[in-house]
Structures are given as C-alpha cells and as structure tokens.
Protein backbone atom coordinates (compact mmCIF):
# COMPACT_ATOMS: atom_id res chain seq x y z
CA MET A 1 8.68 0.31 -0.56
CA PHE A 2 11.98 1.91 1.00
CA PRO A 3 14.63 -0.46 0.46
CA SER A 4 17.78 2.05 0.03
CA TRP A 5 16.11 4.82 2.22
CA PRO A 6 17.73 5.72 5.45
CA LYS A 7 15.71 4.28 8.47
CA ASP A 8 16.16 7.42 10.49
CA TRP A 9 14.70 9.57 7.41
CA ASP A 10 10.81 10.51 7.13
CA ALA A 11 10.01 10.15 3.42
CA SER A 12 6.62 9.97 1.10
CA PHE A 13 6.18 9.47 -2.53
CA THR A 14 3.74 8.90 -5.29
CA LEU A 15 4.68 7.33 -8.61
CA LEU A 16 2.92 5.58 -11.56
CA ALA A 17 3.60 1.94 -11.66
CA HIS A 18 3.53 -0.73 -14.26
CA GLY A 19 0.06 -1.78 -15.23
CA ALA A 20 -1.24 2.06 -14.86
CA PHE A 21 -1.31 1.86 -10.79
CA LEU A 22 -0.63 5.14 -9.01
CA VAL A 23 0.82 4.06 -6.08
CA SER A 24 1.87 6.24 -2.79
CA SER A 25 3.44 5.62 0.48
CA SER A 26 5.12 6.86 3.56
CA MET A 27 7.16 6.02 6.23
CA ALA A 28 8.01 7.66 9.50
CA LYS A 29 10.59 6.77 12.00
CA GLY A 30 11.64 3.58 9.99
CA GLN A 31 7.86 2.33 9.76
CA ILE A 32 6.20 2.20 6.55
CA GLU A 33 2.72 3.54 7.15
CA PHE A 34 0.65 2.52 4.35
CA VAL A 35 0.70 1.92 0.93
CA GLU A 36 -2.18 3.13 -1.41
CA ILE A 37 -2.79 2.45 -4.86
CA LYS A 38 -5.14 3.96 -7.04
CA SER A 39 -5.94 1.80 -10.41
CA ARG A 40 -6.26 3.41 -13.53
CA LEU A 41 -7.11 0.65 -15.80
CA GLY A 42 -8.43 -2.50 -13.24
CA GLY A 43 -6.45 -5.68 -13.63
CA GLU A 44 -4.47 -7.64 -11.22
CA CYS A 45 -2.04 -5.67 -8.81
CA ARG A 46 1.44 -7.71 -7.39
CA LEU A 47 3.14 -6.17 -4.77
CA ARG A 48 6.08 -6.94 -2.56
CA ASN A 49 4.48 -7.40 1.20
CA PRO A 50 5.81 -4.25 2.53
CA TRP A 51 5.18 -5.69 6.03
CA PRO A 52 6.63 -9.35 5.68
CA ASP A 53 6.33 -10.72 8.94
CA LYS A 54 2.59 -9.15 9.39
CA THR A 55 -0.84 -9.77 7.77
CA VAL A 56 -2.16 -6.91 5.87
CA THR A 57 -5.31 -5.48 5.72
CA LEU A 58 -6.60 -4.38 2.22
CA TYR A 59 -9.45 -1.47 2.01
CA ARG A 60 -11.23 -1.08 -1.14
CA ASN A 61 -12.49 2.58 -1.24
CA ASP A 62 -12.01 3.05 2.55
CA ASN A 63 -14.11 -0.62 3.24
CA LYS A 64 -12.23 -3.33 4.73
CA THR A 65 -12.39 -6.14 2.42
CA GLU A 66 -9.98 -8.76 3.10
CA ASN A 67 -6.46 -9.91 4.80
CA LEU A 68 -3.51 -10.72 2.80
CA SER A 69 -0.05 -12.26 3.94
CA GLY A 70 2.94 -13.67 2.49
CA PRO A 71 5.90 -12.21 0.67
CA LEU A 72 3.84 -11.57 -2.75
CA LEU A 73 0.38 -9.72 -2.15
CA LYS A 74 -1.80 -10.30 -5.17
CA PHE A 75 -5.38 -8.84 -5.59
CA GLN A 76 -7.92 -7.65 -8.15
CA THR A 77 -8.45 -4.08 -8.91
CA ALA A 78 -11.63 -2.58 -10.69
CA LYS A 79 -11.35 0.64 -12.75
CA GLY A 80 -10.74 3.80 -10.47
CA GLU A 81 -10.89 2.19 -7.46
CA THR A 82 -8.36 2.94 -4.28
CA ILE A 83 -6.85 0.50 -2.34
CA THR A 84 -5.02 1.11 0.63
CA LEU A 85 -2.93 -1.61 2.56
CA MET A 86 -2.03 -1.23 6.21
CA PRO A 87 -0.78 -3.61 8.82
CA THR A 88 -3.82 -5.23 10.26
CA GLY A 89 -5.08 -2.93 13.18
CA ARG A 90 -4.45 0.50 11.49
CA THR A 91 -7.09 2.25 9.50
CA PRO A 92 -7.22 4.12 6.22
CA ARG A 93 -7.93 7.51 8.61
CA SER A 94 -4.38 7.49 9.78
CA LYS A 95 -2.75 7.61 6.57
CA LYS A 96 -1.07 10.92 5.48
CA ILE A 97 1.04 11.94 2.57
CA PRO A 98 2.52 15.05 3.35
C-alpha cells in the first residue's frame, strides 16, 4: 500500500483502482492500519497482502466474514459493498481516514 513512503511519515489516501474499486488506506507510525474497498461494480478483488506475515480479517459492511492469508488476497465482492481488511484482532471501528 505504501511501498515508497517513508515509515516515519503518517499518510492516508483514497483512489480509484482497476475494476472500479475505490480503495482507501492509512499508515501511522510505520504501520498500515486498514484497507477499505468500496466495490462500484462487484466482481473479484485481488490485493497484495499489506500484512504478509499476518492473518487478515475481512469485514463486509462492518460484519466479520472470513480470515485470509498469503501474499495475494482474493475475494468476491458485490456491487455497492464495502470491504474492510485489517490484521486479525482489530475491528473496523478503529479505522480512520483524516
């Protein structure tokens, strides 16, 4: 998510990605806090795991649905759905985009 960003700089962004996914994320104190994906059309989403050594919990519209792991995360989305990915143990209520 932030491959070239200096680890001591906090940052956040929202951008439109391939497949009509609106992607938001933030980094604080060198750690990626969350990834939020709003699916505008539905379909498969593929995302390089921003926490490659951790299990990731996937929330659909703030409801925990599954855990994912591995270097590439793949999951189906529905049109209009909001997906939040966080390291297991964190909840979507703790995310924030300044």
